[in-house]
Amino acid sequence: MRLLEIRRFPVKSLLGEQVTESGVGDRGLTGDRLWAVRDEDGKFGSGKNTRRFRRMPGLFGLRGLHTGGEPEVEFPDGRRFAASDPAGHAALSETVGRKVTVTREAEVLHHDDGPVSVITTAGLRQLGEVLGEPVDPLRFRANLVIGTPGTGYPEDTWPGQALRIGSGVVLRVQKPMTRCVMVDFAQDHLPEHGRILKAVAEDHSLLFGVWATVERPGHLTIGDPVELAT
Protein backbone atom coordinates (compact mmCIF):
# COMPACT_ATOMS: atom_id res chain seq x y z
CA MET A 1 0.00 0.00 0.00
CA ARG A 2 1.10 3.57 -0.65
CA LEU A 3 0.03 7.04 0.39
CA LEU A 4 -1.43 8.64 -2.74
CA GLU A 5 -3.05 11.89 -1.57
CA ILE A 6 -2.82 14.27 1.39
CA ARG A 7 -5.45 16.93 2.04
CA ARG A 8 -5.86 19.47 4.81
CA PHE A 9 -8.74 21.84 5.48
CA PRO A 10 -7.41 24.87 7.39
CA VAL A 11 -10.95 26.21 7.96
CA LYS A 12 -13.58 23.59 8.69
CA SER A 13 -16.28 23.12 6.00
CA LEU A 14 -14.45 25.28 3.46
CA LEU A 15 -12.50 23.94 0.49
CA GLY A 16 -9.01 22.87 1.44
CA GLU A 17 -5.64 22.11 -0.08
CA GLN A 18 -4.08 19.04 -1.63
CA VAL A 19 -0.42 18.95 -0.60
CA THR A 20 2.60 16.75 -1.28
CA GLU A 21 3.76 16.54 2.33
CA SER A 22 2.61 17.40 5.82
CA GLY A 23 3.65 17.24 9.42
CA VAL A 24 1.53 15.11 11.74
CA GLY A 25 1.09 15.85 15.44
CA ASP A 26 -1.08 14.37 18.17
CA ARG A 27 -4.00 16.46 16.93
CA GLY A 28 -3.65 15.41 13.28
CA LEU A 29 -2.22 17.03 10.16
CA THR A 30 -0.49 20.36 10.65
CA GLY A 31 -3.01 23.17 10.22
CA ASP A 32 -5.99 20.91 9.59
CA ARG A 33 -9.40 22.18 10.76
CA LEU A 34 -7.95 24.45 13.44
CA TRP A 35 -10.38 27.25 12.53
CA ALA A 36 -14.09 27.34 11.77
CA VAL A 37 -16.84 29.77 10.77
CA ARG A 38 -19.03 30.61 13.76
CA ASP A 39 -22.29 32.56 13.97
CA GLU A 40 -23.71 34.67 16.78
CA ASP A 41 -25.50 31.65 18.26
CA GLY A 42 -22.17 29.86 18.67
CA LYS A 43 -22.89 27.31 15.95
CA PHE A 44 -20.21 26.37 13.47
CA GLY A 45 -20.71 26.60 9.73
CA SER A 46 -21.27 23.30 7.95
CA GLY A 47 -23.19 21.63 5.16
CA LYS A 48 -25.59 20.11 7.69
CA ASN A 49 -27.68 21.09 10.70
CA THR A 50 -26.91 19.44 14.04
CA ARG A 51 -26.65 20.47 17.68
CA ARG A 52 -23.19 21.96 17.04
CA PHE A 53 -23.39 22.88 13.35
CA ARG A 54 -25.56 25.08 11.18
CA ARG A 55 -25.84 24.69 7.43
CA MET A 56 -24.45 27.78 5.73
CA PRO A 57 -24.79 27.75 1.93
CA GLY A 58 -21.82 29.27 0.18
CA LEU A 59 -19.02 27.81 2.31
CA PHE A 60 -17.96 25.36 -0.41
CA GLY A 61 -17.28 28.34 -2.66
CA LEU A 62 -14.54 29.53 -0.28
CA ARG A 63 -11.11 28.05 0.34
CA GLY A 64 -9.01 27.89 3.49
CA LEU A 65 -5.26 28.30 2.92
CA HIS A 66 -2.59 27.30 5.42
CA THR A 67 0.05 30.02 5.82
CA GLY A 68 2.06 28.74 8.76
CA GLY A 69 0.20 31.05 11.15
CA GLU A 70 -3.49 31.82 11.03
CA PRO A 71 -5.02 30.69 7.73
CA GLU A 72 -6.36 32.86 4.96
CA VAL A 73 -9.84 32.61 3.45
CA GLU A 74 -9.91 32.92 -0.34
CA PHE A 75 -13.08 34.10 -2.08
CA PRO A 76 -14.11 33.09 -5.64
CA ASP A 77 -13.14 36.54 -6.94
CA GLY A 78 -9.57 36.08 -5.67
CA ARG A 79 -9.83 38.24 -2.54
CA ARG A 80 -7.98 36.85 0.47
CA PHE A 81 -8.37 37.77 4.12
CA ALA A 82 -6.56 36.56 7.21
CA ALA A 83 -8.89 34.45 9.34
CA SER A 84 -9.13 37.11 12.07
CA ASP A 85 -9.53 40.10 9.71
CA PRO A 86 -12.82 41.97 10.41
CA ALA A 87 -13.03 42.89 6.70
CA GLY A 88 -12.95 39.20 5.89
CA HIS A 89 -15.66 38.52 8.47
CA ALA A 90 -17.86 41.13 6.81
CA ALA A 91 -17.32 39.61 3.36
CA LEU A 92 -17.99 36.13 4.74
CA SER A 93 -21.15 37.30 6.49
CA GLU A 94 -22.42 38.71 3.21
CA THR A 95 -21.67 35.42 1.46
CA VAL A 96 -23.54 33.18 3.92
CA GLY A 97 -26.34 35.62 4.73
CA ARG A 98 -25.76 35.89 8.48
CA LYS A 99 -23.25 37.53 10.79
CA VAL A 100 -20.26 35.24 11.28
CA THR A 101 -16.62 35.29 12.28
CA VAL A 102 -13.76 32.83 11.78
CA THR A 103 -12.51 31.54 15.12
CA ARG A 104 -9.72 29.26 16.27
CA GLU A 105 -10.45 25.97 17.95
CA ALA A 106 -10.79 26.19 21.72
CA GLU A 107 -11.75 23.41 24.13
CA VAL A 108 -14.02 21.64 21.62
CA LEU A 109 -12.20 20.00 18.71
CA HIS A 110 -13.35 20.90 15.20
CA HIS A 111 -12.89 17.37 13.84
CA ASP A 112 -16.08 15.51 12.94
CA ASP A 113 -15.04 12.10 14.27
CA GLY A 114 -11.31 12.04 14.90
CA PRO A 115 -7.98 13.65 14.07
CA VAL A 116 -7.13 11.86 10.81
CA SER A 117 -9.59 10.54 8.20
CA VAL A 118 -8.53 7.84 5.75
CA ILE A 119 -10.10 6.34 2.62
CA THR A 120 -8.81 3.70 0.19
CA THR A 121 -8.74 3.39 -3.58
CA ALA A 122 -10.36 -0.05 -3.26
CA GLY A 123 -13.34 1.61 -1.59
CA LEU A 124 -13.48 4.28 -4.30
CA ARG A 125 -13.42 1.62 -7.02
CA GLN A 126 -16.13 -0.36 -5.24
CA LEU A 127 -18.36 2.69 -5.01
CA GLY A 128 -17.56 3.52 -8.64
CA GLU A 129 -18.82 0.09 -9.70
CA VAL A 130 -22.04 0.64 -7.78
CA LEU A 131 -22.58 4.06 -9.37
CA GLY A 132 -21.30 3.12 -12.81
CA GLU A 133 -18.83 6.02 -12.86
CA PRO A 134 -15.55 7.02 -11.18
CA VAL A 135 -15.78 8.70 -7.78
CA ASP A 136 -13.43 11.58 -7.01
CA PRO A 137 -11.84 11.17 -3.54
CA LEU A 138 -12.45 14.87 -2.87
CA ARG A 139 -16.12 13.99 -2.32
CA PHE A 140 -15.16 12.54 1.07
CA ARG A 141 -12.79 15.30 2.21
CA ALA A 142 -10.42 12.73 3.70
CA ASN A 143 -6.98 13.67 4.97
CA LEU A 144 -5.33 10.62 3.44
CA VAL A 145 -6.02 8.45 0.40
CA ILE A 146 -4.25 5.09 0.54
CA GLY A 147 -3.68 3.04 -2.57
CA THR A 148 -5.01 -0.50 -2.11
CA PRO A 149 -5.56 -3.26 -4.68
CA GLY A 150 -8.87 -4.57 -5.94
CA THR A 151 -12.33 -3.44 -4.88
CA GLY A 152 -14.32 -3.63 -1.69
CA TYR A 153 -13.69 -2.12 1.72
CA PRO A 154 -10.40 -3.46 3.14
CA GLU A 155 -10.49 -0.78 5.84
CA ASP A 156 -13.41 -2.63 7.48
CA THR A 157 -10.82 -4.85 9.15
CA TRP A 158 -8.51 -2.03 10.24
CA PRO A 159 -10.08 -0.72 13.49
CA GLY A 160 -7.76 -1.52 16.37
CA GLN A 161 -4.78 -1.93 14.07
CA ALA A 162 -1.93 0.46 13.31
CA LEU A 163 -1.07 2.09 10.00
CA ARG A 164 2.67 2.68 9.71
CA ILE A 165 3.30 5.34 7.08
CA GLY A 166 6.76 6.19 5.80
CA SER A 167 9.66 6.08 8.23
CA GLY A 168 7.94 7.37 11.33
CA VAL A 169 4.20 8.06 11.45
CA VAL A 170 1.97 5.54 13.18
CA LEU A 171 -1.81 5.94 13.19
CA ARG A 172 -4.17 3.81 15.25
CA VAL A 173 -7.40 3.14 13.36
CA GLN A 174 -10.45 3.62 15.57
CA LYS A 175 -13.80 3.43 13.76
CA PRO A 176 -15.54 3.61 10.36
CA MET A 177 -16.86 7.01 9.30
CA THR A 178 -20.58 7.56 8.81
CA ARG A 179 -21.29 9.78 5.80
CA CYS A 180 -23.84 12.56 5.32
CA VAL A 181 -25.36 14.66 2.53
CA MET A 182 -22.15 16.66 2.08
CA VAL A 183 -20.70 13.96 -0.19
CA ASP A 184 -23.24 14.97 -2.86
CA PHE A 185 -22.66 18.73 -2.66
CA ALA A 186 -20.95 20.68 -5.42
CA GLN A 187 -17.42 21.59 -4.35
CA ASP A 188 -14.36 22.88 -6.14
CA HIS A 189 -14.50 21.40 -9.68
CA LEU A 190 -17.15 18.82 -8.76
CA PRO A 191 -20.82 19.45 -9.61
CA GLU A 192 -23.72 18.51 -7.35
CA HIS A 193 -24.28 14.77 -7.65
CA GLY A 194 -27.31 13.42 -5.81
CA ARG A 195 -26.63 9.65 -5.85
CA ILE A 196 -23.40 9.11 -3.89
CA LEU A 197 -24.86 9.05 -0.39
CA LYS A 198 -27.61 6.68 -1.52
CA ALA A 199 -25.00 4.36 -3.03
CA VAL A 200 -22.92 4.41 0.18
CA ALA A 201 -26.07 3.67 2.18
CA GLU A 202 -27.18 0.76 0.02
CA ASP A 203 -23.74 -0.79 -0.46
CA HIS A 204 -22.13 -0.16 2.91
CA SER A 205 -24.66 1.08 5.50
CA LEU A 206 -23.58 4.75 5.14
CA LEU A 207 -19.98 3.88 6.07
CA PHE A 208 -17.02 5.00 3.99
CA GLY A 209 -13.44 5.23 5.22
CA VAL A 210 -12.13 5.23 8.78
CA TRP A 211 -10.75 7.69 11.29
CA ALA A 212 -7.57 7.26 13.25
CA THR A 213 -5.66 8.76 16.16
CA VAL A 214 -1.97 9.60 16.02
CA GLU A 215 0.18 7.14 17.94
CA ARG A 216 3.52 8.43 16.69
CA PRO A 217 3.86 11.91 15.17
CA GLY A 218 6.15 12.57 12.23
CA HIS A 219 6.10 13.65 8.61
CA LEU A 220 4.14 12.32 5.63
CA THR A 221 5.09 12.53 1.96
CA ILE A 222 3.17 11.38 -1.11
CA GLY A 223 4.44 7.94 -2.13
CA ASP A 224 5.26 6.81 1.41
CA PRO A 225 4.76 3.07 1.93
CA VAL A 226 1.88 2.11 4.22
CA GLU A 227 1.91 -1.04 6.34
CA LEU A 228 -0.78 -2.55 8.53
CA ALA A 229 0.39 -3.78 11.92
CA THR A 230 -1.08 -4.79 15.26
C-alpha atoms as a PDB file:
ATOM      1  CA  MET A   1       0.000   0.000   0.000  1.00  0.00           C
ATOM      2  CA  ARG A   2       1.101   3.573  -0.649  1.00  0.00           C
ATOM      3  CA  LEU A   3       0.034   7.039   0.390  1.00  0.00           C
ATOM      4  CA  LEU A   4      -1.433   8.642  -2.742  1.00  0.00           C
ATOM      5  CA  GLU A   5      -3.050  11.892  -1.565  1.00  0.00           C
ATOM      6  CA  ILE A   6      -2.817  14.269   1.395  1.00  0.00           C
ATOM      7  CA  ARG A   7      -5.453  16.930   2.041  1.00  0.00           C
ATOM      8  CA  ARG A   8      -5.860  19.466   4.806  1.00  0.00           C
ATOM      9  CA  PHE A   9      -8.738  21.843   5.481  1.00  0.00           C
ATOM     10  CA  PRO A  10      -7.411  24.873   7.394  1.00  0.00           C
ATOM     11  CA  VAL A  11     -10.951  26.206   7.959  1.00  0.00           C
ATOM     12  CA  LYS A  12     -13.584  23.594   8.690  1.00  0.00           C
ATOM     13  CA  SER A  13     -16.279  23.118   6.002  1.00  0.00           C
ATOM     14  CA  LEU A  14     -14.451  25.276   3.457  1.00  0.00           C
ATOM     15  CA  LEU A  15     -12.502  23.939   0.493  1.00  0.00           C
ATOM     16  CA  GLY A  16      -9.009  22.872   1.443  1.00  0.00           C
ATOM     17  CA  GLU A  17      -5.636  22.114  -0.076  1.00  0.00           C
ATOM     18  CA  GLN A  18      -4.079  19.042  -1.633  1.00  0.00           C
ATOM     19  CA  VAL A  19      -0.419  18.949  -0.601  1.00  0.00           C
ATOM     20  CA  THR A  20       2.596  16.752  -1.276  1.00  0.00           C
ATOM     21  CA  GLU A  21       3.757  16.536   2.333  1.00  0.00           C
ATOM     22  CA  SER A  22       2.612  17.403   5.819  1.00  0.00           C
ATOM     23  CA  GLY A  23       3.651  17.241   9.417  1.00  0.00           C
ATOM     24  CA  VAL A  24       1.529  15.112  11.735  1.00  0.00           C
ATOM     25  CA  GLY A  25       1.089  15.850  15.444  1.00  0.00           C
ATOM     26  CA  ASP A  26      -1.076  14.374  18.174  1.00  0.00           C
ATOM     27  CA  ARG A  27      -4.000  16.461  16.933  1.00  0.00           C
ATOM     28  CA  GLY A  28      -3.649  15.413  13.276  1.00  0.00           C
ATOM     29  CA  LEU A  29      -2.219  17.035  10.158  1.00  0.00           C
ATOM     30  CA  THR A  30      -0.485  20.364  10.654  1.00  0.00           C
ATOM     31  CA  GLY A  31      -3.010  23.173  10.224  1.00  0.00           C
ATOM     32  CA  ASP A  32      -5.989  20.909   9.589  1.00  0.00           C
ATOM     33  CA  ARG A  33      -9.401  22.185  10.763  1.00  0.00           C
ATOM     34  CA  LEU A  34      -7.949  24.453  13.443  1.00  0.00           C
ATOM     35  CA  TRP A  35     -10.380  27.253  12.532  1.00  0.00           C
ATOM     36  CA  ALA A  36     -14.089  27.339  11.767  1.00  0.00           C
ATOM     37  CA  VAL A  37     -16.840  29.768  10.767  1.00  0.00           C
ATOM     38  CA  ARG A  38     -19.033  30.610  13.761  1.00  0.00           C
ATOM     39  CA  ASP A  39     -22.288  32.559  13.968  1.00  0.00           C
ATOM     40  CA  GLU A  40     -23.707  34.674  16.780  1.00  0.00           C
ATOM     41  CA  ASP A  41     -25.504  31.647  18.258  1.00  0.00           C
ATOM     42  CA  GLY A  42     -22.170  29.855  18.671  1.00  0.00           C
ATOM     43  CA  LYS A  43     -22.888  27.308  15.949  1.00  0.00           C
ATOM     44  CA  PHE A  44     -20.206  26.365  13.466  1.00  0.00           C
ATOM     45  CA  GLY A  45     -20.712  26.597   9.733  1.00  0.00           C
ATOM     46  CA  SER A  46     -21.274  23.300   7.947  1.00  0.00           C
ATOM     47  CA  GLY A  47     -23.189  21.629   5.164  1.00  0.00           C
ATOM     48  CA  LYS A  48     -25.589  20.108   7.685  1.00  0.00           C
ATOM     49  CA  ASN A  49     -27.682  21.089  10.697  1.00  0.00           C
ATOM     50  CA  THR A  50     -26.907  19.440  14.043  1.00  0.00           C
ATOM     51  CA  ARG A  51     -26.649  20.469  17.679  1.00  0.00           C
ATOM     52  CA  ARG A  52     -23.190  21.960  17.035  1.00  0.00           C
ATOM     53  CA  PHE A  53     -23.386  22.878  13.351  1.00  0.00           C
ATOM     54  CA  ARG A  54     -25.558  25.083  11.176  1.00  0.00           C
ATOM     55  CA  ARG A  55     -25.840  24.689   7.432  1.00  0.00           C
ATOM     56  CA  MET A  56     -24.454  27.780   5.734  1.00  0.00           C
ATOM     57  CA  PRO A  57     -24.789  27.746   1.934  1.00  0.00           C
ATOM     58  CA  GLY A  58     -21.820  29.273   0.175  1.00  0.00           C
ATOM     59  CA  LEU A  59     -19.021  27.815   2.309  1.00  0.00           C
ATOM     60  CA  PHE A  60     -17.964  25.358  -0.408  1.00  0.00           C
ATOM     61  CA  GLY A  61     -17.278  28.337  -2.661  1.00  0.00           C
ATOM     62  CA  LEU A  62     -14.544  29.526  -0.280  1.00  0.00           C
ATOM     63  CA  ARG A  63     -11.109  28.052   0.342  1.00  0.00           C
ATOM     64  CA  GLY A  64      -9.007  27.895   3.487  1.00  0.00           C
ATOM     65  CA  LEU A  65      -5.263  28.303   2.917  1.00  0.00           C
ATOM     66  CA  HIS A  66      -2.590  27.302   5.421  1.00  0.00           C
ATOM     67  CA  THR A  67       0.047  30.019   5.824  1.00  0.00           C
ATOM     68  CA  GLY A  68       2.057  28.742   8.764  1.00  0.00           C
ATOM     69  CA  GLY A  69       0.203  31.052  11.146  1.00  0.00           C
ATOM     70  CA  GLU A  70      -3.488  31.824  11.034  1.00  0.00           C
ATOM     71  CA  PRO A  71      -5.022  30.685   7.734  1.00  0.00           C
ATOM     72  CA  GLU A  72      -6.365  32.859   4.955  1.00  0.00           C
ATOM     73  CA  VAL A  73      -9.844  32.607   3.446  1.00  0.00           C
ATOM     74  CA  GLU A  74      -9.911  32.921  -0.336  1.00  0.00           C
ATOM     75  CA  PHE A  75     -13.076  34.098  -2.080  1.00  0.00           C
ATOM     76  CA  PRO A  76     -14.106  33.088  -5.637  1.00  0.00           C
ATOM     77  CA  ASP A  77     -13.136  36.539  -6.938  1.00  0.00           C
ATOM     78  CA  GLY A  78      -9.573  36.084  -5.665  1.00  0.00           C
ATOM     79  CA  ARG A  79      -9.831  38.241  -2.535  1.00  0.00           C
ATOM     80  CA  ARG A  80      -7.982  36.854   0.471  1.00  0.00           C
ATOM     81  CA  PHE A  81      -8.373  37.771   4.118  1.00  0.00           C
ATOM     82  CA  ALA A  82      -6.562  36.556   7.209  1.00  0.00           C
ATOM     83  CA  ALA A  83      -8.885  34.450   9.342  1.00  0.00           C
ATOM     84  CA  SER A  84      -9.129  37.112  12.071  1.00  0.00           C
ATOM     85  CA  ASP A  85      -9.527  40.102   9.708  1.00  0.00           C
ATOM     86  CA  PRO A  86     -12.817  41.975  10.410  1.00  0.00           C
ATOM     87  CA  ALA A  87     -13.032  42.890   6.697  1.00  0.00           C
ATOM     88  CA  GLY A  88     -12.955  39.199   5.893  1.00  0.00           C
ATOM     89  CA  HIS A  89     -15.657  38.524   8.469  1.00  0.00           C
ATOM     90  CA  ALA A  90     -17.861  41.135   6.807  1.00  0.00           C
ATOM     91  CA  ALA A  91     -17.325  39.613   3.359  1.00  0.00           C
ATOM     92  CA  LEU A  92     -17.986  36.135   4.736  1.00  0.00           C
ATOM     93  CA  SER A  93     -21.154  37.302   6.489  1.00  0.00           C
ATOM     94  CA  GLU A  94     -22.423  38.713   3.212  1.00  0.00           C
ATOM     95  CA  THR A  95     -21.670  35.423   1.464  1.00  0.00           C
ATOM     96  CA  VAL A  96     -23.536  33.182   3.919  1.00  0.00           C
ATOM     97  CA  GLY A  97     -26.338  35.622   4.727  1.00  0.00           C
ATOM     98  CA  ARG A  98     -25.761  35.892   8.478  1.00  0.00           C
ATOM     99  CA  LYS A  99     -23.251  37.531  10.795  1.00  0.00           C
ATOM    100  CA  VAL A 100     -20.261  35.236  11.278  1.00  0.00           C
ATOM    101  CA  THR A 101     -16.617  35.287  12.280  1.00  0.00           C
ATOM    102  CA  VAL A 102     -13.764  32.833  11.780  1.00  0.00           C
ATOM    103  CA  THR A 103     -12.507  31.535  15.120  1.00  0.00           C
ATOM    104  CA  ARG A 104      -9.725  29.259  16.266  1.00  0.00           C
ATOM    105  CA  GLU A 105     -10.452  25.969  17.954  1.00  0.00           C
ATOM    106  CA  ALA A 106     -10.787  26.187  21.720  1.00  0.00           C
ATOM    107  CA  GLU A 107     -11.747  23.413  24.135  1.00  0.00           C
ATOM    108  CA  VAL A 108     -14.022  21.642  21.620  1.00  0.00           C
ATOM    109  CA  LEU A 109     -12.199  20.000  18.709  1.00  0.00           C
ATOM    110  CA  HIS A 110     -13.347  20.897  15.200  1.00  0.00           C
ATOM    111  CA  HIS A 111     -12.887  17.366  13.842  1.00  0.00           C
ATOM    112  CA  ASP A 112     -16.080  15.514  12.944  1.00  0.00           C
ATOM    113  CA  ASP A 113     -15.040  12.104  14.267  1.00  0.00           C
ATOM    114  CA  GLY A 114     -11.314  12.040  14.900  1.00  0.00           C
ATOM    115  CA  PRO A 115      -7.980  13.651  14.071  1.00  0.00           C
ATOM    116  CA  VAL A 116      -7.130  11.861  10.810  1.00  0.00           C
ATOM    117  CA  SER A 117      -9.588  10.542   8.203  1.00  0.00           C
ATOM    118  CA  VAL A 118      -8.534   7.839   5.752  1.00  0.00           C
ATOM    119  CA  ILE A 119     -10.095   6.336   2.624  1.00  0.00           C
ATOM    120  CA  THR A 120      -8.812   3.697   0.190  1.00  0.00           C
ATOM    121  CA  THR A 121      -8.735   3.392  -3.579  1.00  0.00           C
ATOM    122  CA  ALA A 122     -10.362  -0.046  -3.257  1.00  0.00           C
ATOM    123  CA  GLY A 123     -13.342   1.612  -1.590  1.00  0.00           C
ATOM    124  CA  LEU A 124     -13.481   4.278  -4.296  1.00  0.00           C
ATOM    125  CA  ARG A 125     -13.422   1.624  -7.018  1.00  0.00           C
ATOM    126  CA  GLN A 126     -16.131  -0.358  -5.235  1.00  0.00           C
ATOM    127  CA  LEU A 127     -18.359   2.692  -5.014  1.00  0.00           C
ATOM    128  CA  GLY A 128     -17.565   3.521  -8.637  1.00  0.00           C
ATOM    129  CA  GLU A 129     -18.815   0.094  -9.704  1.00  0.00           C
ATOM    130  CA  VAL A 130     -22.045   0.637  -7.781  1.00  0.00           C
ATOM    131  CA  LEU A 131     -22.577   4.056  -9.367  1.00  0.00           C
ATOM    132  CA  GLY A 132     -21.303   3.117 -12.815  1.00  0.00           C
ATOM    133  CA  GLU A 133     -18.825   6.022 -12.860  1.00  0.00           C
ATOM    134  CA  PRO A 134     -15.549   7.020 -11.176  1.00  0.00           C
ATOM    135  CA  VAL A 135     -15.782   8.697  -7.781  1.00  0.00           C
ATOM    136  CA  ASP A 136     -13.434  11.578  -7.008  1.00  0.00           C
ATOM    137  CA  PRO A 137     -11.843  11.169  -3.542  1.00  0.00           C
ATOM    138  CA  LEU A 138     -12.455  14.869  -2.870  1.00  0.00           C
ATOM    139  CA  ARG A 139     -16.124  13.995  -2.319  1.00  0.00           C
ATOM    140  CA  PHE A 140     -15.159  12.537   1.069  1.00  0.00           C
ATOM    141  CA  ARG A 141     -12.790  15.304   2.214  1.00  0.00           C
ATOM    142  CA  ALA A 142     -10.418  12.735   3.704  1.00  0.00           C
ATOM    143  CA  ASN A 143      -6.982  13.674   4.973  1.00  0.00           C
ATOM    144  CA  LEU A 144      -5.326  10.617   3.445  1.00  0.00           C
ATOM    145  CA  VAL A 145      -6.020   8.450   0.402  1.00  0.00           C
ATOM    146  CA  ILE A 146      -4.247   5.094   0.540  1.00  0.00           C
ATOM    147  CA  GLY A 147      -3.683   3.037  -2.573  1.00  0.00           C
ATOM    148  CA  THR A 148      -5.012  -0.495  -2.107  1.00  0.00           C
ATOM    149  CA  PRO A 149      -5.561  -3.258  -4.675  1.00  0.00           C
ATOM    150  CA  GLY A 150      -8.870  -4.574  -5.936  1.00  0.00           C
ATOM    151  CA  THR A 151     -12.327  -3.439  -4.884  1.00  0.00           C
ATOM    152  CA  GLY A 152     -14.324  -3.634  -1.692  1.00  0.00           C
ATOM    153  CA  TYR A 153     -13.686  -2.120   1.716  1.00  0.00           C
ATOM    154  CA  PRO A 154     -10.401  -3.459   3.138  1.00  0.00           C
ATOM    155  CA  GLU A 155     -10.494  -0.779   5.845  1.00  0.00           C
ATOM    156  CA  ASP A 156     -13.413  -2.626   7.477  1.00  0.00           C
ATOM    157  CA  THR A 157     -10.816  -4.854   9.149  1.00  0.00           C
ATOM    158  CA  TRP A 158      -8.506  -2.031  10.236  1.00  0.00           C
ATOM    159  CA  PRO A 159     -10.082  -0.717  13.485  1.00  0.00           C
ATOM    160  CA  GLY A 160      -7.762  -1.524  16.371  1.00  0.00           C
ATOM    161  CA  GLN A 161      -4.781  -1.931  14.066  1.00  0.00           C
ATOM    162  CA  ALA A 162      -1.928   0.462  13.309  1.00  0.00           C
ATOM    163  CA  LEU A 163      -1.071   2.094  10.005  1.00  0.00           C
ATOM    164  CA  ARG A 164       2.673   2.680   9.709  1.00  0.00           C
ATOM    165  CA  ILE A 165       3.303   5.338   7.084  1.00  0.00           C
ATOM    166  CA  GLY A 166       6.761   6.191   5.800  1.00  0.00           C
ATOM    167  CA  SER A 167       9.658   6.077   8.227  1.00  0.00           C
ATOM    168  CA  GLY A 168       7.938   7.369  11.330  1.00  0.00           C
ATOM    169  CA  VAL A 169       4.202   8.061  11.447  1.00  0.00           C
ATOM    170  CA  VAL A 170       1.969   5.537  13.181  1.00  0.00           C
ATOM    171  CA  LEU A 171      -1.809   5.937  13.186  1.00  0.00           C
ATOM    172  CA  ARG A 172      -4.169   3.808  15.253  1.00  0.00           C
ATOM    173  CA  VAL A 173      -7.402   3.142  13.360  1.00  0.00           C
ATOM    174  CA  GLN A 174     -10.455   3.622  15.570  1.00  0.00           C
ATOM    175  CA  LYS A 175     -13.800   3.433  13.755  1.00  0.00           C
ATOM    176  CA  PRO A 176     -15.536   3.606  10.365  1.00  0.00           C
ATOM    177  CA  MET A 177     -16.859   7.009   9.302  1.00  0.00           C
ATOM    178  CA  THR A 178     -20.584   7.559   8.810  1.00  0.00           C
ATOM    179  CA  ARG A 179     -21.292   9.782   5.802  1.00  0.00           C
ATOM    180  CA  CYS A 180     -23.843  12.557   5.316  1.00  0.00           C
ATOM    181  CA  VAL A 181     -25.357  14.656   2.534  1.00  0.00           C
ATOM    182  CA  MET A 182     -22.151  16.664   2.084  1.00  0.00           C
ATOM    183  CA  VAL A 183     -20.699  13.964  -0.192  1.00  0.00           C
ATOM    184  CA  ASP A 184     -23.242  14.970  -2.856  1.00  0.00           C
ATOM    185  CA  PHE A 185     -22.665  18.732  -2.662  1.00  0.00           C
ATOM    186  CA  ALA A 186     -20.953  20.683  -5.422  1.00  0.00           C
ATOM    187  CA  GLN A 187     -17.419  21.586  -4.350  1.00  0.00           C
ATOM    188  CA  ASP A 188     -14.359  22.878  -6.137  1.00  0.00           C
ATOM    189  CA  HIS A 189     -14.502  21.403  -9.677  1.00  0.00           C
ATOM    190  CA  LEU A 190     -17.150  18.816  -8.763  1.00  0.00           C
ATOM    191  CA  PRO A 191     -20.823  19.452  -9.605  1.00  0.00           C
ATOM    192  CA  GLU A 192     -23.722  18.512  -7.352  1.00  0.00           C
ATOM    193  CA  HIS A 193     -24.279  14.774  -7.651  1.00  0.00           C
ATOM    194  CA  GLY A 194     -27.307  13.420  -5.813  1.00  0.00           C
ATOM    195  CA  ARG A 195     -26.627   9.652  -5.853  1.00  0.00           C
ATOM    196  CA  ILE A 196     -23.399   9.112  -3.894  1.00  0.00           C
ATOM    197  CA  LEU A 197     -24.857   9.050  -0.390  1.00  0.00           C
ATOM    198  CA  LYS A 198     -27.609   6.681  -1.521  1.00  0.00           C
ATOM    199  CA  ALA A 199     -25.000   4.361  -3.034  1.00  0.00           C
ATOM    200  CA  VAL A 200     -22.925   4.407   0.175  1.00  0.00           C
ATOM    201  CA  ALA A 201     -26.071   3.668   2.184  1.00  0.00           C
ATOM    202  CA  GLU A 202     -27.178   0.765   0.016  1.00  0.00           C
ATOM    203  CA  ASP A 203     -23.736  -0.790  -0.464  1.00  0.00           C
ATOM    204  CA  HIS A 204     -22.132  -0.157   2.913  1.00  0.00           C
ATOM    205  CA  SER A 205     -24.662   1.082   5.496  1.00  0.00           C
ATOM    206  CA  LEU A 206     -23.583   4.749   5.137  1.00  0.00           C
ATOM    207  CA  LEU A 207     -19.981   3.883   6.073  1.00  0.00           C
ATOM    208  CA  PHE A 208     -17.017   4.996   3.987  1.00  0.00           C
ATOM    209  CA  GLY A 209     -13.440   5.227   5.220  1.00  0.00           C
ATOM    210  CA  VAL A 210     -12.128   5.228   8.784  1.00  0.00           C
ATOM    211  CA  TRP A 211     -10.754   7.694  11.285  1.00  0.00           C
ATOM    212  CA  ALA A 212      -7.575   7.260  13.248  1.00  0.00           C
ATOM    213  CA  THR A 213      -5.664   8.758  16.157  1.00  0.00           C
ATOM    214  CA  VAL A 214      -1.966   9.597  16.024  1.00  0.00           C
ATOM    215  CA  GLU A 215       0.182   7.138  17.940  1.00  0.00           C
ATOM    216  CA  ARG A 216       3.524   8.425  16.691  1.00  0.00           C
ATOM    217  CA  PRO A 217       3.863  11.914  15.172  1.00  0.00           C
ATOM    218  CA  GLY A 218       6.147  12.571  12.232  1.00  0.00           C
ATOM    219  CA  HIS A 219       6.095  13.647   8.615  1.00  0.00           C
ATOM    220  CA  LEU A 220       4.136  12.323   5.628  1.00  0.00           C
ATOM    221  CA  THR A 221       5.091  12.526   1.960  1.00  0.00           C
ATOM    222  CA  ILE A 222       3.172  11.382  -1.109  1.00  0.00           C
ATOM    223  CA  GLY A 223       4.437   7.944  -2.127  1.00  0.00           C
ATOM    224  CA  ASP A 224       5.256   6.815   1.412  1.00  0.00           C
ATOM    225  CA  PRO A 225       4.758   3.070   1.931  1.00  0.00           C
ATOM    226  CA  VAL A 226       1.885   2.109   4.216  1.00  0.00           C
ATOM    227  CA  GLU A 227       1.910  -1.041   6.338  1.00  0.00           C
ATOM    228  CA  LEU A 228      -0.781  -2.547   8.530  1.00  0.00           C
ATOM    229  CA  ALA A 229       0.392  -3.783  11.924  1.00  0.00           C
ATOM    230  CA  THR A 230      -1.076  -4.795  15.258  1.00  0.00           C
END
